[in-house]
Amino acid sequence: QLQLQESGPGLVKPSQTLSLTCTVSGGSLTTTYYNYAWSWIRQPPGKGLEWVGVIAHDGSTYYSPSLKSRTSISRDTSKNQFSLQLSSVTPGDTAVYYCARDWDRYHEVWGQGTLVTVSS
């Protein structure tokens, strides 16, 4: 029942801001019975997965130390959506970006992912 769907532009120019939205259906961003959290993870071509950041059910945010200065995660509870903004992008930010629901240290449910290419 729970589904997550990433959306946003597939092409971003260097130095600009990458913006993605994750739409959640079949579940609530604000559920408190379980300690759910909502993450962004990315995978550059040919590379492994990299955790970007997370927003908890109460709106608290946490980011990868390597990306913290450029990352912002927010949510719109009325739309059951959470979003990623990654500023000052370079070609090294090219990746498939996933959103996921987290529980008990696991990314238990994933979206399909969306490829974002940083190129001029």
Protein backbone atom coordinates (compact mmCIF):
# COMPACT_ATOMS: atom_id res chain seq x y z
CA GLN A 1 0.00 0.00 0.00
CA LEU A 2 2.74 2.45 0.89
CA GLN A 3 4.24 4.05 -2.18
CA LEU A 4 6.85 6.73 -2.67
CA GLN A 5 7.39 8.57 -5.92
CA GLU A 6 10.21 10.95 -6.76
CA SER A 7 9.61 13.82 -9.13
CA GLY A 8 11.50 16.81 -10.43
CA PRO A 9 13.69 17.94 -13.29
CA GLY A 10 16.02 15.35 -14.74
CA LEU A 11 18.61 17.88 -15.86
CA VAL A 12 20.21 20.60 -13.74
CA LYS A 13 22.95 22.99 -14.74
CA PRO A 14 26.17 23.25 -12.72
CA SER A 15 26.04 25.75 -9.86
CA GLN A 16 22.25 25.63 -9.77
CA THR A 17 20.01 23.96 -7.21
CA LEU A 18 18.73 20.43 -7.56
CA SER A 19 15.14 20.17 -6.36
CA LEU A 20 13.19 16.94 -5.98
CA THR A 21 9.91 16.04 -4.35
CA CYS A 22 8.84 12.72 -2.88
CA THR A 23 5.11 12.09 -2.82
CA VAL A 24 3.98 9.56 -0.23
CA SER A 25 0.76 7.60 -0.58
CA GLY A 26 -0.67 4.97 1.72
CA GLY A 27 1.12 6.39 4.75
CA SER A 28 1.62 9.62 6.65
CA LEU A 29 4.75 11.69 7.12
CA THR A 30 3.60 12.52 10.63
CA THR A 31 2.91 9.00 11.93
CA THR A 32 4.26 8.71 15.48
CA TYR A 33 3.29 5.19 16.49
CA TYR A 34 6.48 3.96 14.88
CA ASN A 35 9.56 6.14 14.68
CA TYR A 36 9.43 6.51 10.93
CA ALA A 37 11.75 8.87 9.15
CA TRP A 38 12.00 9.89 5.53
CA SER A 39 15.31 9.81 3.71
CA TRP A 40 16.93 10.83 0.49
CA ILE A 41 19.58 8.46 -0.87
CA ARG A 42 21.50 8.74 -4.11
CA GLN A 43 23.59 6.48 -6.33
CA PRO A 44 25.99 7.95 -8.88
CA PRO A 45 26.46 5.91 -12.05
CA GLY A 46 28.67 2.92 -11.33
CA LYS A 47 28.95 3.83 -7.65
CA GLY A 48 27.42 2.74 -4.39
CA LEU A 49 24.54 4.19 -2.46
CA GLU A 50 25.08 7.39 -0.51
CA TRP A 51 22.74 8.66 2.17
CA VAL A 52 21.96 12.34 1.69
CA GLY A 53 19.71 13.24 4.59
CA VAL A 54 16.51 12.58 6.46
CA ILE A 55 13.50 14.30 7.93
CA ALA A 56 11.86 12.69 10.94
CA HIS A 57 8.16 12.48 11.68
CA ASP A 58 8.40 15.59 13.85
CA GLY A 59 10.19 17.58 11.16
CA SER A 60 13.71 17.29 12.56
CA THR A 61 16.35 17.08 9.85
CA TYR A 62 19.76 15.46 9.67
CA TYR A 63 22.24 15.50 6.80
CA SER A 64 25.30 13.69 5.59
CA PRO A 65 28.33 15.60 6.90
CA SER A 66 29.79 15.76 3.40
CA LEU A 67 26.65 17.37 2.00
CA LYS A 68 25.30 19.25 4.99
CA SER A 69 26.33 22.70 3.82
CA ARG A 70 24.46 22.28 0.53
CA THR A 71 21.43 20.25 1.58
CA SER A 72 17.97 21.17 2.77
CA ILE A 73 15.09 18.76 3.33
CA SER A 74 11.61 20.04 4.01
CA ARG A 75 8.07 18.72 4.08
CA ASP A 76 4.54 19.71 3.21
CA THR A 77 2.29 17.67 5.43
CA SER A 78 -0.86 18.88 3.70
CA LYS A 79 0.36 17.22 0.51
CA ASN A 80 2.13 14.32 2.23
CA GLN A 81 5.32 15.30 0.45
CA PHE A 82 8.90 15.92 1.39
CA SER A 83 11.49 17.61 -0.74
CA LEU A 84 15.22 17.79 -1.32
CA GLN A 85 17.18 20.84 -2.32
CA LEU A 86 20.87 20.46 -3.10
CA SER A 87 22.58 23.70 -3.99
CA SER A 88 25.70 24.51 -6.00
CA VAL A 89 25.62 21.24 -7.86
CA THR A 90 28.47 19.86 -9.93
CA PRO A 91 28.64 16.92 -12.34
CA GLY A 92 29.64 14.83 -9.33
CA ASP A 93 26.08 15.20 -8.07
CA THR A 94 24.74 13.29 -11.07
CA ALA A 95 22.97 10.27 -9.64
CA VAL A 96 19.78 8.33 -9.31
CA TYR A 97 18.02 9.91 -6.37
CA TYR A 98 15.73 7.83 -4.19
CA CYS A 99 13.38 8.69 -1.40
CA ALA A 100 12.66 6.11 1.26
CA ARG A 101 10.82 5.47 4.49
CA ASP A 102 13.15 4.53 7.30
CA TRP A 103 12.53 2.36 10.33
CA ASP A 104 14.88 0.61 12.75
CA ARG A 105 18.02 1.79 10.93
CA TYR A 106 16.75 0.49 7.60
CA HIS A 107 15.49 2.17 4.46
CA GLU A 108 12.57 -0.23 4.36
CA VAL A 109 10.47 1.18 1.51
CA TRP A 110 11.95 2.88 -1.53
CA GLY A 111 10.71 4.87 -4.42
CA GLN A 112 11.69 3.85 -7.92
CA GLY A 113 14.34 6.53 -8.10
CA THR A 114 14.84 9.31 -10.59
CA LEU A 115 17.98 10.12 -12.54
CA VAL A 116 19.23 13.67 -12.19
CA THR A 117 22.00 14.71 -14.55
CA VAL A 118 24.10 17.78 -13.81
CA SER A 119 25.37 19.12 -17.10
CA SER A 120 25.52 22.31 -19.08
